[in-house]
Amino acid sequence: MRIGLYPGTFDPITLGHIDIIRRAAALVDRLVIGVAINRDKGPLFSLEERVAMIEAECAKLSEETGTEIVAHPFENLLINCAHDVGAQVILRGLRAVADFEYEFQMVGMNRTLDSSVETVFLMADASHQAIASKLVKEIARLGGDSSKFVTPAVQTQLMAKFR
């Protein structure tokens, strides 16, 4: 069984994330969405809320693709999370050159820690390249329309945070 790990903070999950998840699901038999517990980032949504959003959004994708998709919170090194879930591959989404520079460093470090875990980059669809959770939250916080960047269910939860 081919197991992939797609890690991130997902605060909140966006249409860009969902695009990468859909495409990653075609590459593996089981896709683990690693939900990072990153206290330094000070997420808007709690871990439980982020996991619930991912599970709700991915239930449909799992049914459509036939790939098992599960959420898995983690607070350790990414490579250790990959070991914990049995992943042979880490899947990462790229939006721009700036993403690549950071990801390139991470791949080098992860390969030094364990060269048996491969990293695969998926380029964001052109329609999603500008989407970043940080910007989505800023738009919502300032009263803008963030519905073009998230699903209706996530939009409802996002707007509730700023009422």
Protein backbone atom coordinates (compact mmCIF):
# COMPACT_ATOMS: atom_id res chain seq x y z
CA MET A 1 0.00 0.00 0.00
CA ARG A 2 1.39 3.40 -1.03
CA ILE A 3 0.94 5.94 1.79
CA GLY A 4 1.44 9.65 1.28
CA LEU A 5 1.66 12.47 3.81
CA TYR A 6 0.48 15.98 2.96
CA PRO A 7 1.49 18.21 5.89
CA GLY A 8 0.41 21.74 6.71
CA THR A 9 -1.25 23.98 9.23
CA PHE A 10 -4.54 24.20 7.28
CA ASP A 11 -5.68 27.30 9.16
CA PRO A 12 -8.13 27.15 7.42
CA ILE A 13 -8.17 24.57 4.63
CA THR A 14 -8.50 26.41 1.31
CA LEU A 15 -9.50 25.53 -2.23
CA GLY A 16 -5.78 25.39 -3.01
CA HIS A 17 -5.26 22.74 -0.33
CA ILE A 18 -8.25 20.79 -1.63
CA ASP A 19 -6.86 20.91 -5.18
CA ILE A 20 -3.54 19.46 -3.98
CA ILE A 21 -5.33 16.81 -1.88
CA ARG A 22 -7.44 15.75 -4.85
CA ARG A 23 -4.39 15.41 -7.07
CA ALA A 24 -2.28 13.73 -4.37
CA ALA A 25 -5.04 11.17 -3.82
CA ALA A 26 -4.46 9.95 -7.38
CA LEU A 27 -0.86 9.09 -6.50
CA VAL A 28 -1.34 7.04 -3.33
CA ASP A 29 -3.65 4.44 -1.82
CA ARG A 30 -3.89 6.24 1.52
CA LEU A 31 -3.37 9.96 2.01
CA VAL A 32 -2.65 11.27 5.48
CA ILE A 33 -3.27 14.97 5.97
CA GLY A 34 -0.72 15.93 8.62
CA VAL A 35 -2.21 18.77 10.64
CA ALA A 36 0.69 20.62 12.21
CA ILE A 37 0.38 21.72 15.81
CA ASN A 38 2.45 24.86 15.47
CA ARG A 39 2.02 26.99 18.56
CA ASP A 40 4.40 29.63 17.17
CA LYS A 41 1.99 30.44 14.32
CA GLY A 42 -0.91 31.14 16.70
CA PRO A 43 -3.64 29.57 14.56
CA LEU A 44 -7.09 31.16 14.30
CA PHE A 45 -8.77 27.76 14.45
CA SER A 46 -8.11 25.22 17.17
CA LEU A 47 -6.54 21.90 16.27
CA GLU A 48 -9.92 20.22 16.73
CA GLU A 49 -11.61 22.72 14.39
CA ARG A 50 -8.93 22.31 11.71
CA VAL A 51 -9.12 18.52 11.89
CA ALA A 52 -12.93 18.62 11.69
CA MET A 53 -12.83 20.93 8.64
CA ILE A 54 -10.33 18.64 6.91
CA GLU A 55 -12.36 15.53 7.70
CA ALA A 56 -15.56 17.14 6.41
CA GLU A 57 -13.96 18.38 3.18
CA CYS A 58 -12.00 15.20 2.55
CA ALA A 59 -14.91 12.80 3.09
CA LYS A 60 -16.27 13.86 -0.30
CA LEU A 61 -12.85 13.61 -1.94
CA SER A 62 -12.23 10.18 -0.50
CA GLU A 63 -15.53 8.96 -1.90
CA GLU A 64 -14.83 10.52 -5.32
CA THR A 65 -11.27 9.23 -5.63
CA GLY A 66 -11.53 5.90 -3.84
CA THR A 67 -8.45 6.86 -1.80
CA GLU A 68 -8.57 6.68 1.97
CA ILE A 69 -7.93 10.21 3.28
CA VAL A 70 -7.41 10.79 7.00
CA ALA A 71 -6.38 13.72 9.19
CA HIS A 72 -3.49 13.17 11.59
CA PRO A 73 -2.36 15.89 14.02
CA PHE A 74 1.38 16.05 14.64
CA GLU A 75 3.84 18.13 16.64
CA ASN A 76 7.09 16.32 15.95
CA LEU A 77 9.54 16.47 13.05
CA LEU A 78 7.89 15.96 9.67
CA ILE A 79 10.12 12.98 8.92
CA ASN A 80 9.09 11.40 12.24
CA CYS A 81 5.44 12.01 11.39
CA ALA A 82 6.06 10.24 8.07
CA HIS A 83 7.46 7.27 10.01
CA ASP A 84 4.52 7.35 12.46
CA VAL A 85 1.95 7.03 9.65
CA GLY A 86 4.03 4.70 7.45
CA ALA A 87 4.36 7.22 4.61
CA GLN A 88 6.83 6.51 1.84
CA VAL A 89 6.24 9.90 0.26
CA ILE A 90 5.69 13.45 1.48
CA LEU A 91 3.51 15.53 -0.84
CA ARG A 92 3.94 19.29 -0.94
CA GLY A 93 2.12 21.97 -2.86
CA LEU A 94 3.98 24.82 -4.52
CA ARG A 95 2.49 28.17 -5.47
CA ALA A 96 5.54 30.21 -6.44
CA VAL A 97 9.32 30.33 -6.57
CA ALA A 98 9.44 31.56 -2.96
CA ASP A 99 7.70 28.34 -1.87
CA PHE A 100 10.28 26.29 -3.76
CA GLU A 101 13.25 27.88 -2.01
CA TYR A 102 11.87 26.99 1.44
CA GLU A 103 10.73 23.52 0.35
CA PHE A 104 14.10 22.80 -1.28
CA GLN A 105 15.80 23.34 2.09
CA MET A 106 13.25 21.14 3.86
CA VAL A 107 13.73 18.31 1.37
CA GLY A 108 17.48 18.43 1.88
CA MET A 109 17.11 18.20 5.64
CA ASN A 110 14.48 15.44 5.45
CA ARG A 111 16.59 13.40 3.02
CA THR A 112 19.55 13.70 5.38
CA LEU A 113 17.37 12.41 8.22
CA ASP A 114 15.88 9.57 6.12
CA SER A 115 16.63 9.16 2.43
CA SER A 116 14.00 6.44 2.04
CA VAL A 117 11.13 8.97 2.30
CA GLU A 118 10.68 10.77 -1.01
CA THR A 119 9.18 14.23 -1.47
CA VAL A 120 6.93 15.04 -4.41
CA PHE A 121 5.97 18.58 -5.34
CA LEU A 122 2.63 19.38 -6.92
CA MET A 123 2.24 22.79 -8.52
CA ALA A 124 -0.88 24.62 -7.50
CA ASP A 125 -3.45 25.01 -10.24
CA ALA A 126 -3.18 28.46 -11.83
CA SER A 127 -6.57 29.41 -10.40
CA HIS A 128 -5.31 28.71 -6.87
CA GLN A 129 -1.74 30.04 -6.96
CA ALA A 130 -2.53 33.23 -5.07
CA ILE A 131 -4.43 31.51 -2.26
CA ALA A 132 -2.72 31.50 1.13
CA SER A 133 -4.50 30.77 4.41
CA LYS A 134 -2.86 33.83 5.95
CA LEU A 135 -4.34 36.10 3.28
CA VAL A 136 -7.74 34.41 3.44
CA LYS A 137 -7.88 35.12 7.19
CA GLU A 138 -6.81 38.74 6.62
CA ILE A 139 -9.52 39.28 4.00
CA ALA A 140 -12.16 37.81 6.33
CA ARG A 141 -10.90 39.77 9.34
CA LEU A 142 -11.17 43.03 7.39
CA GLY A 143 -14.71 42.28 6.21
CA GLY A 144 -13.83 41.24 2.66
CA ASP A 145 -15.31 38.38 0.69
CA SER A 146 -13.11 35.32 1.20
CA SER A 147 -15.66 32.92 -0.30
CA LYS A 148 -13.70 32.64 -3.55
CA PHE A 149 -10.89 30.90 -1.68
CA VAL A 150 -12.63 28.38 0.59
CA THR A 151 -15.63 26.06 0.48
CA PRO A 152 -19.00 27.34 1.75
CA ALA A 153 -18.69 25.30 4.96
CA VAL A 154 -15.25 26.71 5.72
CA GLN A 155 -16.46 30.21 4.82
CA THR A 156 -19.24 29.91 7.40
CA GLN A 157 -16.75 28.92 10.10
CA LEU A 158 -14.35 31.65 9.05
CA MET A 159 -16.99 34.35 9.19
CA ALA A 160 -18.13 33.13 12.63
CA LYS A 161 -14.63 33.81 13.95
CA PHE A 162 -14.87 37.49 12.99
CA ARG A 163 -18.42 38.30 14.09
